[in-house]
Amino acid sequence: MSRPLDPRRIAQSFARGLNSYERRAVAQRAIAQRLAQMLAAQPECPKHLAHVLELGAGTGFLTQAVSDQFSVDRWLINDLVPAARDHIAPILAGEQWRFSVGAIEDQVLAGPFDLIAGASVVQWVADTRGLLDQMHRALAPRGWLALSSFGPDHFHQLRALRGAAGMHYHSVDQWRAFLGAGYEVLAIETEERVLTFDSLRALLVHLRETGVNAPSTVPWSRRRLAEFEREYGARFGDGSGRLPLSYAPIYIVARRR
């Protein structure tokens, strides 16, 4: 199965937004923290992990959240963007870790890992089932999986009006089917996090500064921007002039059978 987007384009988009991601990606930070909390809340999950793989670490929201909840002997940190390493280094200072650059589905996952985790990342992978099989092979027996992705209502305002080229967001039922017999699903939850913006331009800047505008291929003209803002406000606004944007995370905590 082909990827929904060229990984080089995704990497370029996130590289442009990397320095602003830390302050702008408020939803992604909260999602990472919630995912780590859900994992830590599992009664059988040990507070000490020998070997952890994190997918698409970015500026380290999940790295920090896992570090706050667990002690880890060794980390393997993955991201498409080489410069992400500079953001991870202060978080893992004094710890044993290494950094792997590239699309996770192209990596040789030299486990076994006690935990494989990734927040707001696996939606970029086309072959979800294939990735889960790959991670299953890399996990230690009864190893832990903690992932967040996005559901069908993610960015529903933008998608209703403009679409998202190549992107497909799986439902909870689809995720359960993907996990199949190889994983014991211990927790799977959805929620909606709504951000609001003073203008469409501010909303688009948010997308650019968090790197998630890679699916957009159609250029904006001044006229089209104004038309789209009016349509967006009429359909989704609350009359105040502010524009909502819905994040729809799905959280998954599972164990390898």
C-alpha atoms as a PDB file:
ATOM      1  CA  MET A   1       0.000   0.000   0.000  1.00  0.00           C
ATOM      2  CA  SER A   2       1.357   3.426  -0.893  1.00  0.00           C
ATOM      3  CA  ARG A   3       1.693   6.154   1.655  1.00  0.00           C
ATOM      4  CA  PRO A   4      -0.994   8.859   1.653  1.00  0.00           C
ATOM      5  CA  LEU A   5       1.707  11.508   1.248  1.00  0.00           C
ATOM      6  CA  ASP A   6       5.325  11.604   0.212  1.00  0.00           C
ATOM      7  CA  PRO A   7       7.349  11.345   3.466  1.00  0.00           C
ATOM      8  CA  ARG A   8       9.705  13.993   2.103  1.00  0.00           C
ATOM      9  CA  ARG A   9       6.840  16.450   1.914  1.00  0.00           C
ATOM     10  CA  ILE A  10       5.665  15.578   5.413  1.00  0.00           C
ATOM     11  CA  ALA A  11       9.236  16.027   6.686  1.00  0.00           C
ATOM     12  CA  GLN A  12       9.552  19.408   4.951  1.00  0.00           C
ATOM     13  CA  SER A  13       6.286  20.591   6.450  1.00  0.00           C
ATOM     14  CA  PHE A  14       7.239  19.569   9.987  1.00  0.00           C
ATOM     15  CA  ALA A  15      10.783  20.897   9.583  1.00  0.00           C
ATOM     16  CA  ARG A  16       9.368  24.343   8.735  1.00  0.00           C
ATOM     17  CA  GLY A  17       7.165  24.261  11.819  1.00  0.00           C
ATOM     18  CA  LEU A  18       9.600  22.629  14.231  1.00  0.00           C
ATOM     19  CA  ASN A  19      10.772  25.780  16.000  1.00  0.00           C
ATOM     20  CA  SER A  20       7.202  27.049  16.470  1.00  0.00           C
ATOM     21  CA  TYR A  21       5.745  23.633  17.326  1.00  0.00           C
ATOM     22  CA  GLU A  22       6.696  23.827  20.991  1.00  0.00           C
ATOM     23  CA  ARG A  23       4.501  26.872  21.645  1.00  0.00           C
ATOM     24  CA  ARG A  24       1.773  26.364  19.024  1.00  0.00           C
ATOM     25  CA  ALA A  25       0.955  22.651  19.256  1.00  0.00           C
ATOM     26  CA  VAL A  26      -1.161  22.945  22.396  1.00  0.00           C
ATOM     27  CA  ALA A  27      -3.535  20.147  21.393  1.00  0.00           C
ATOM     28  CA  GLN A  28      -0.677  17.781  20.572  1.00  0.00           C
ATOM     29  CA  ARG A  29       0.990  18.482  23.928  1.00  0.00           C
ATOM     30  CA  ALA A  30      -2.224  17.700  25.802  1.00  0.00           C
ATOM     31  CA  ILE A  31      -2.754  14.548  23.740  1.00  0.00           C
ATOM     32  CA  ALA A  32       0.757  13.285  24.537  1.00  0.00           C
ATOM     33  CA  GLN A  33       0.255  13.918  28.239  1.00  0.00           C
ATOM     34  CA  ARG A  34      -3.103  12.131  28.221  1.00  0.00           C
ATOM     35  CA  LEU A  35      -1.638   9.118  26.412  1.00  0.00           C
ATOM     36  CA  ALA A  36       1.182   8.759  28.966  1.00  0.00           C
ATOM     37  CA  GLN A  37      -1.310   9.084  31.821  1.00  0.00           C
ATOM     38  CA  MET A  38      -3.503   6.343  30.345  1.00  0.00           C
ATOM     39  CA  LEU A  39      -0.512   4.035  30.063  1.00  0.00           C
ATOM     40  CA  ALA A  40       0.637   4.758  33.617  1.00  0.00           C
ATOM     41  CA  ALA A  41      -2.893   4.105  34.907  1.00  0.00           C
ATOM     42  CA  GLN A  42      -2.767   0.465  33.784  1.00  0.00           C
ATOM     43  CA  PRO A  43      -2.307  -1.613  36.972  1.00  0.00           C
ATOM     44  CA  GLU A  44       0.052  -4.114  35.336  1.00  0.00           C
ATOM     45  CA  CYS A  45       2.244  -1.546  33.599  1.00  0.00           C
ATOM     46  CA  PRO A  46       5.657  -1.435  35.307  1.00  0.00           C
ATOM     47  CA  LYS A  47       7.102   1.937  36.274  1.00  0.00           C
ATOM     48  CA  HIS A  48      10.510   0.825  35.041  1.00  0.00           C
ATOM     49  CA  LEU A  49      11.015   0.006  31.347  1.00  0.00           C
ATOM     50  CA  ALA A  50      14.216  -1.416  29.935  1.00  0.00           C
ATOM     51  CA  HIS A  51      13.858  -0.404  26.274  1.00  0.00           C
ATOM     52  CA  VAL A  52      11.447   2.130  24.739  1.00  0.00           C
ATOM     53  CA  LEU A  53      10.830   3.069  21.113  1.00  0.00           C
ATOM     54  CA  GLU A  54       9.083   6.357  20.375  1.00  0.00           C
ATOM     55  CA  LEU A  55       7.752   7.044  16.883  1.00  0.00           C
ATOM     56  CA  GLY A  56       7.651  10.559  15.448  1.00  0.00           C
ATOM     57  CA  ALA A  57       8.923  12.251  18.593  1.00  0.00           C
ATOM     58  CA  GLY A  58       8.956  15.782  17.191  1.00  0.00           C
ATOM     59  CA  THR A  59       9.914  18.254  19.905  1.00  0.00           C
ATOM     60  CA  GLY A  60       9.454  15.670  22.634  1.00  0.00           C
ATOM     61  CA  PHE A  61       5.987  16.118  24.116  1.00  0.00           C
ATOM     62  CA  LEU A  62       5.529  12.373  24.570  1.00  0.00           C
ATOM     63  CA  THR A  63       9.195  11.841  25.436  1.00  0.00           C
ATOM     64  CA  GLN A  64       8.777  14.229  28.356  1.00  0.00           C
ATOM     65  CA  ALA A  65       5.409  12.794  29.380  1.00  0.00           C
ATOM     66  CA  VAL A  66       6.732   9.222  29.444  1.00  0.00           C
ATOM     67  CA  SER A  67       9.860  10.360  31.310  1.00  0.00           C
ATOM     68  CA  ASP A  68       7.635  11.967  33.925  1.00  0.00           C
ATOM     69  CA  GLN A  69       5.758   8.693  34.507  1.00  0.00           C
ATOM     70  CA  PHE A  70       8.424   6.003  34.016  1.00  0.00           C
ATOM     71  CA  SER A  71      12.116   5.288  34.429  1.00  0.00           C
ATOM     72  CA  VAL A  72      13.709   4.003  31.215  1.00  0.00           C
ATOM     73  CA  ASP A  73      17.080   2.317  30.689  1.00  0.00           C
ATOM     74  CA  ARG A  74      17.388   2.844  26.923  1.00  0.00           C
ATOM     75  CA  TRP A  75      15.486   4.844  24.341  1.00  0.00           C
ATOM     76  CA  LEU A  76      15.267   4.654  20.561  1.00  0.00           C
ATOM     77  CA  ILE A  77      13.790   7.924  19.307  1.00  0.00           C
ATOM     78  CA  ASN A  78      12.509   8.176  15.742  1.00  0.00           C
ATOM     79  CA  ASP A  79      11.468  11.153  13.637  1.00  0.00           C
ATOM     80  CA  LEU A  80      11.347  12.183   9.992  1.00  0.00           C
ATOM     81  CA  VAL A  81      13.125  15.461  10.779  1.00  0.00           C
ATOM     82  CA  PRO A  82      16.841  15.279  11.732  1.00  0.00           C
ATOM     83  CA  ALA A  83      16.624  18.553  13.684  1.00  0.00           C
ATOM     84  CA  ALA A  84      14.153  16.953  16.100  1.00  0.00           C
ATOM     85  CA  ARG A  85      17.190  15.402  17.761  1.00  0.00           C
ATOM     86  CA  ASP A  86      18.188  18.812  19.133  1.00  0.00           C
ATOM     87  CA  HIS A  87      14.807  19.108  20.870  1.00  0.00           C
ATOM     88  CA  ILE A  88      15.006  15.630  22.382  1.00  0.00           C
ATOM     89  CA  ALA A  89      18.575  15.975  23.680  1.00  0.00           C
ATOM     90  CA  PRO A  90      17.759  18.258  26.664  1.00  0.00           C
ATOM     91  CA  ILE A  91      14.863  16.015  27.714  1.00  0.00           C
ATOM     92  CA  LEU A  92      17.000  12.860  27.743  1.00  0.00           C
ATOM     93  CA  ALA A  93      20.222  14.463  28.976  1.00  0.00           C
ATOM     94  CA  GLY A  94      22.161  11.940  31.014  1.00  0.00           C
ATOM     95  CA  GLU A  95      20.108   9.004  29.740  1.00  0.00           C
ATOM     96  CA  GLN A  96      21.045   6.303  27.256  1.00  0.00           C
ATOM     97  CA  TRP A  97      19.373   6.981  23.933  1.00  0.00           C
ATOM     98  CA  ARG A  98      19.872   7.050  20.206  1.00  0.00           C
ATOM     99  CA  PHE A  99      18.075   8.768  17.369  1.00  0.00           C
ATOM    100  CA  SER A 100      16.782   7.255  14.128  1.00  0.00           C
ATOM    101  CA  VAL A 101      15.786   9.419  11.140  1.00  0.00           C
ATOM    102  CA  GLY A 102      13.202   8.306   8.618  1.00  0.00           C
ATOM    103  CA  ALA A 103       9.711   6.924   8.084  1.00  0.00           C
ATOM    104  CA  ILE A 104       9.064   4.393  10.817  1.00  0.00           C
ATOM    105  CA  GLU A 105       7.716   1.794   8.403  1.00  0.00           C
ATOM    106  CA  ASP A 106      11.113   1.828   6.649  1.00  0.00           C
ATOM    107  CA  GLN A 107      13.096   1.300   9.857  1.00  0.00           C
ATOM    108  CA  VAL A 108      14.585  -1.951  11.093  1.00  0.00           C
ATOM    109  CA  LEU A 109      13.137  -2.130  14.598  1.00  0.00           C
ATOM    110  CA  ALA A 110      15.859  -3.847  16.581  1.00  0.00           C
ATOM    111  CA  GLY A 111      13.940  -4.743  19.693  1.00  0.00           C
ATOM    112  CA  PRO A 112      12.742  -6.250  21.795  1.00  0.00           C
ATOM    113  CA  PHE A 113      11.030  -3.179  23.223  1.00  0.00           C
ATOM    114  CA  ASP A 114       9.098  -3.071  26.469  1.00  0.00           C
ATOM    115  CA  LEU A 115       7.108  -0.126  25.103  1.00  0.00           C
ATOM    116  CA  ILE A 116       6.466   1.290  21.656  1.00  0.00           C
ATOM    117  CA  ALA A 117       4.746   4.663  21.811  1.00  0.00           C
ATOM    118  CA  GLY A 118       3.741   7.414  19.426  1.00  0.00           C
ATOM    119  CA  ALA A 119       1.479  10.430  19.807  1.00  0.00           C
ATOM    120  CA  SER A 120      -0.258  12.118  16.862  1.00  0.00           C
ATOM    121  CA  VAL A 121       1.895  10.290  14.318  1.00  0.00           C
ATOM    122  CA  VAL A 122       0.486   7.004  12.982  1.00  0.00           C
ATOM    123  CA  GLN A 123      -2.195   8.782  10.916  1.00  0.00           C
ATOM    124  CA  TRP A 124       0.604   9.628   8.466  1.00  0.00           C
ATOM    125  CA  VAL A 125       1.212   5.940   7.743  1.00  0.00           C
ATOM    126  CA  ALA A 126      -0.892   4.368   4.986  1.00  0.00           C
ATOM    127  CA  ASP A 127      -0.476   0.692   5.917  1.00  0.00           C
ATOM    128  CA  THR A 128      -1.693   0.811   9.510  1.00  0.00           C
ATOM    129  CA  ARG A 129      -2.126  -2.929   9.844  1.00  0.00           C
ATOM    130  CA  GLY A 130       1.352  -3.507   8.389  1.00  0.00           C
ATOM    131  CA  LEU A 131       2.874  -1.090  10.889  1.00  0.00           C
ATOM    132  CA  LEU A 132       1.092  -2.805  13.783  1.00  0.00           C
ATOM    133  CA  ASP A 133       2.417  -6.165  12.593  1.00  0.00           C
ATOM    134  CA  GLN A 134       5.917  -4.694  12.355  1.00  0.00           C
ATOM    135  CA  MET A 135       5.672  -3.312  15.897  1.00  0.00           C
ATOM    136  CA  HIS A 136       4.239  -6.606  17.167  1.00  0.00           C
ATOM    137  CA  ARG A 137       7.374  -8.396  15.990  1.00  0.00           C
ATOM    138  CA  ALA A 138       9.564  -5.787  17.687  1.00  0.00           C
ATOM    139  CA  LEU A 139       7.803  -5.858  21.056  1.00  0.00           C
ATOM    140  CA  ALA A 140       8.942  -8.066  23.885  1.00  0.00           C
ATOM    141  CA  PRO A 141       6.469 -10.764  24.987  1.00  0.00           C
ATOM    142  CA  ARG A 142       3.651  -8.906  26.755  1.00  0.00           C
ATOM    143  CA  GLY A 143       5.258  -5.638  25.700  1.00  0.00           C
ATOM    144  CA  TRP A 144       3.209  -2.444  25.755  1.00  0.00           C
ATOM    145  CA  LEU A 145       1.830  -0.325  22.901  1.00  0.00           C
ATOM    146  CA  ALA A 146       0.643   3.253  23.466  1.00  0.00           C
ATOM    147  CA  LEU A 147      -0.530   5.208  20.432  1.00  0.00           C
ATOM    148  CA  SER A 148      -2.674   8.173  19.621  1.00  0.00           C
ATOM    149  CA  SER A 149      -4.069   8.863  16.182  1.00  0.00           C
ATOM    150  CA  PHE A 150      -7.090  10.837  14.968  1.00  0.00           C
ATOM    151  CA  GLY A 151     -10.625   9.737  14.223  1.00  0.00           C
ATOM    152  CA  PRO A 152     -12.997  10.548  11.357  1.00  0.00           C
ATOM    153  CA  ASP A 153     -14.140  13.806  13.004  1.00  0.00           C
ATOM    154  CA  HIS A 154     -10.615  15.233  13.059  1.00  0.00           C
ATOM    155  CA  PHE A 155     -10.491  18.695  11.446  1.00  0.00           C
ATOM    156  CA  HIS A 156     -14.038  18.021  10.258  1.00  0.00           C
ATOM    157  CA  GLN A 157     -14.644  21.701   9.534  1.00  0.00           C
ATOM    158  CA  LEU A 158     -11.739  21.940   7.103  1.00  0.00           C
ATOM    159  CA  ARG A 159     -12.414  18.558   5.573  1.00  0.00           C
ATOM    160  CA  ALA A 160     -16.074  19.350   4.958  1.00  0.00           C
ATOM    161  CA  LEU A 161     -15.170  22.464   2.992  1.00  0.00           C
ATOM    162  CA  ARG A 162     -11.824  21.629   1.463  1.00  0.00           C
ATOM    163  CA  GLY A 163     -10.962  17.995   2.050  1.00  0.00           C
ATOM    164  CA  ALA A 164      -7.567  16.604   3.026  1.00  0.00           C
ATOM    165  CA  ALA A 165      -5.757  15.055   0.109  1.00  0.00           C
ATOM    166  CA  GLY A 166      -4.611  11.511   0.789  1.00  0.00           C
ATOM    167  CA  MET A 167      -5.578  11.533   4.474  1.00  0.00           C
ATOM    168  CA  HIS A 168      -7.861   8.904   5.984  1.00  0.00           C
ATOM    169  CA  TYR A 169      -8.679   8.748   9.671  1.00  0.00           C
ATOM    170  CA  HIS A 170      -9.694   5.392  11.112  1.00  0.00           C
ATOM    171  CA  SER A 171     -12.565   4.797  13.520  1.00  0.00           C
ATOM    172  CA  VAL A 172     -12.330   2.993  16.855  1.00  0.00           C
ATOM    173  CA  ASP A 173     -13.872  -0.110  15.274  1.00  0.00           C
ATOM    174  CA  GLN A 174     -11.266  -0.046  12.504  1.00  0.00           C
ATOM    175  CA  TRP A 175      -8.479   0.260  15.064  1.00  0.00           C
ATOM    176  CA  ARG A 176      -9.826  -2.728  16.975  1.00  0.00           C
ATOM    177  CA  ALA A 177      -9.828  -4.726  13.741  1.00  0.00           C
ATOM    178  CA  PHE A 178      -6.257  -3.622  12.929  1.00  0.00           C
ATOM    179  CA  LEU A 179      -5.036  -4.686  16.372  1.00  0.00           C
ATOM    180  CA  GLY A 180      -6.702  -8.048  15.825  1.00  0.00           C
ATOM    181  CA  ALA A 181      -5.670 -11.135  17.737  1.00  0.00           C
ATOM    182  CA  GLY A 182      -2.066 -10.008  18.183  1.00  0.00           C
ATOM    183  CA  TYR A 183      -2.830  -7.380  20.812  1.00  0.00           C
ATOM    184  CA  GLU A 184      -4.856  -7.251  23.993  1.00  0.00           C
ATOM    185  CA  VAL A 185      -6.599  -3.862  23.929  1.00  0.00           C
ATOM    186  CA  LEU A 186      -6.647  -2.474  27.468  1.00  0.00           C
ATOM    187  CA  ALA A 187      -7.950   1.020  26.754  1.00  0.00           C
ATOM    188  CA  ILE A 188      -9.249   2.817  23.693  1.00  0.00           C
ATOM    189  CA  GLU A 189     -10.826   6.251  23.983  1.00  0.00           C
ATOM    190  CA  THR A 190     -11.861   9.182  21.822  1.00  0.00           C
ATOM    191  CA  GLU A 191     -12.380  12.826  22.608  1.00  0.00           C
ATOM    192  CA  GLU A 192     -12.757  16.211  20.938  1.00  0.00           C
ATOM    193  CA  ARG A 193     -10.450  19.148  21.605  1.00  0.00           C
ATOM    194  CA  VAL A 194     -11.625  22.378  19.993  1.00  0.00           C
ATOM    195  CA  LEU A 195      -9.324  25.330  19.361  1.00  0.00           C
ATOM    196  CA  THR A 196     -10.715  28.687  18.253  1.00  0.00           C
ATOM    197  CA  PHE A 197      -9.115  31.373  16.112  1.00  0.00           C
ATOM    198  CA  ASP A 198      -9.801  35.035  15.434  1.00  0.00           C
ATOM    199  CA  SER A 199      -9.596  34.579  11.673  1.00  0.00           C
ATOM    200  CA  LEU A 200      -9.040  32.013   8.971  1.00  0.00           C
ATOM    201  CA  ARG A 201      -5.565  33.412   8.483  1.00  0.00           C
ATOM    202  CA  ALA A 202      -4.765  32.724  12.153  1.00  0.00           C
ATOM    203  CA  LEU A 203      -6.105  29.190  11.772  1.00  0.00           C
ATOM    204  CA  LEU A 204      -3.960  28.572   8.689  1.00  0.00           C
ATOM    205  CA  VAL A 205      -0.897  29.969  10.465  1.00  0.00           C
ATOM    206  CA  HIS A 206      -1.575  27.508  13.283  1.00  0.00           C
ATOM    207  CA  LEU A 207      -1.599  24.634  10.785  1.00  0.00           C
ATOM    208  CA  ARG A 208       1.628  25.817   9.189  1.00  0.00           C
ATOM    209  CA  GLU A 209       3.400  26.413  12.494  1.00  0.00           C
ATOM    210  CA  THR A 210       2.485  22.944  13.750  1.00  0.00           C
ATOM    211  CA  GLY A 211       3.487  21.258  10.479  1.00  0.00           C
ATOM    212  CA  VAL A 212       0.124  19.626   9.828  1.00  0.00           C
ATOM    213  CA  ASN A 213      -0.604  21.453   6.579  1.00  0.00           C
ATOM    214  CA  ALA A 214       1.264  18.898   4.441  1.00  0.00           C
ATOM    215  CA  PRO A 215      -1.960  17.556   2.861  1.00  0.00           C
ATOM    216  CA  SER A 216      -2.844  20.987   1.457  1.00  0.00           C
ATOM    217  CA  THR A 217      -1.949  21.287  -2.211  1.00  0.00           C
ATOM    218  CA  VAL A 218      -4.290  24.014  -3.471  1.00  0.00           C
ATOM    219  CA  PRO A 219      -2.830  27.554  -3.293  1.00  0.00           C
ATOM    220  CA  TRP A 220      -4.841  30.316  -1.641  1.00  0.00           C
ATOM    221  CA  SER A 221      -5.740  33.471  -3.527  1.00  0.00           C
ATOM    222  CA  ARG A 222      -6.897  36.553  -1.631  1.00  0.00           C
ATOM    223  CA  ARG A 223     -10.388  36.165  -3.055  1.00  0.00           C
ATOM    224  CA  ARG A 224     -10.587  32.462  -2.275  1.00  0.00           C
ATOM    225  CA  LEU A 225      -9.338  33.092   1.273  1.00  0.00           C
ATOM    226  CA  ALA A 226     -12.114  35.646   1.869  1.00  0.00           C
ATOM    227  CA  GLU A 227     -14.768  33.376   0.371  1.00  0.00           C
ATOM    228  CA  PHE A 228     -13.606  30.408   2.398  1.00  0.00           C
ATOM    229  CA  GLU A 229     -13.566  32.432   5.628  1.00  0.00           C
ATOM    230  CA  ARG A 230     -17.164  33.566   5.049  1.00  0.00           C
ATOM    231  CA  GLU A 231     -18.265  30.007   4.287  1.00  0.00           C
ATOM    232  CA  TYR A 232     -16.404  28.608   7.292  1.00  0.00           C
ATOM    233  CA  GLY A 233     -17.903  31.184   9.655  1.00  0.00           C
ATOM    234  CA  ALA A 234     -21.421  30.734   8.299  1.00  0.00           C
ATOM    235  CA  ARG A 235     -21.283  26.963   8.661  1.00  0.00           C
ATOM    236  CA  PHE A 236     -19.263  26.464  11.830  1.00  0.00           C
ATOM    237  CA  GLY A 237     -18.943  29.828  13.599  1.00  0.00           C
ATOM    238  CA  ASP A 238     -20.874  30.800  16.742  1.00  0.00           C
ATOM    239  CA  GLY A 239     -21.649  34.335  15.617  1.00  0.00           C
ATOM    240  CA  SER A 240     -18.724  35.876  17.491  1.00  0.00           C
ATOM    241  CA  GLY A 241     -16.447  35.888  14.453  1.00  0.00           C
ATOM    242  CA  ARG A 242     -14.162  33.243  15.927  1.00  0.00           C
ATOM    243  CA  LEU A 243     -13.575  30.025  14.010  1.00  0.00           C
ATOM    244  CA  PRO A 244     -13.413  26.565  15.645  1.00  0.00           C
ATOM    245  CA  LEU A 245     -11.071  23.751  14.658  1.00  0.00           C
ATOM    246  CA  SER A 246     -11.702  20.289  16.104  1.00  0.00           C
ATOM    247  CA  TYR A 247      -8.968  17.839  17.015  1.00  0.00           C
ATOM    248  CA  ALA A 248     -10.399  14.310  17.437  1.00  0.00           C
ATOM    249  CA  PRO A 249      -7.746  12.098  19.029  1.00  0.00           C
ATOM    250  CA  ILE A 250      -8.076   8.365  19.513  1.00  0.00           C
ATOM    251  CA  TYR A 251      -6.003   6.894  22.357  1.00  0.00           C
ATOM    252  CA  ILE A 252      -4.915   3.251  22.373  1.00  0.00           C
ATOM    253  CA  VAL A 253      -3.162   1.268  25.097  1.00  0.00           C
ATOM    254  CA  ALA A 254      -2.559  -2.397  24.320  1.00  0.00           C
ATOM    255  CA  ARG A 255      -0.258  -5.327  25.071  1.00  0.00           C
ATOM    256  CA  ARG A 256       1.354  -7.842  22.770  1.00  0.00           C
ATOM    257  CA  ARG A 257      -0.226 -11.256  23.142  1.00  0.00           C
END
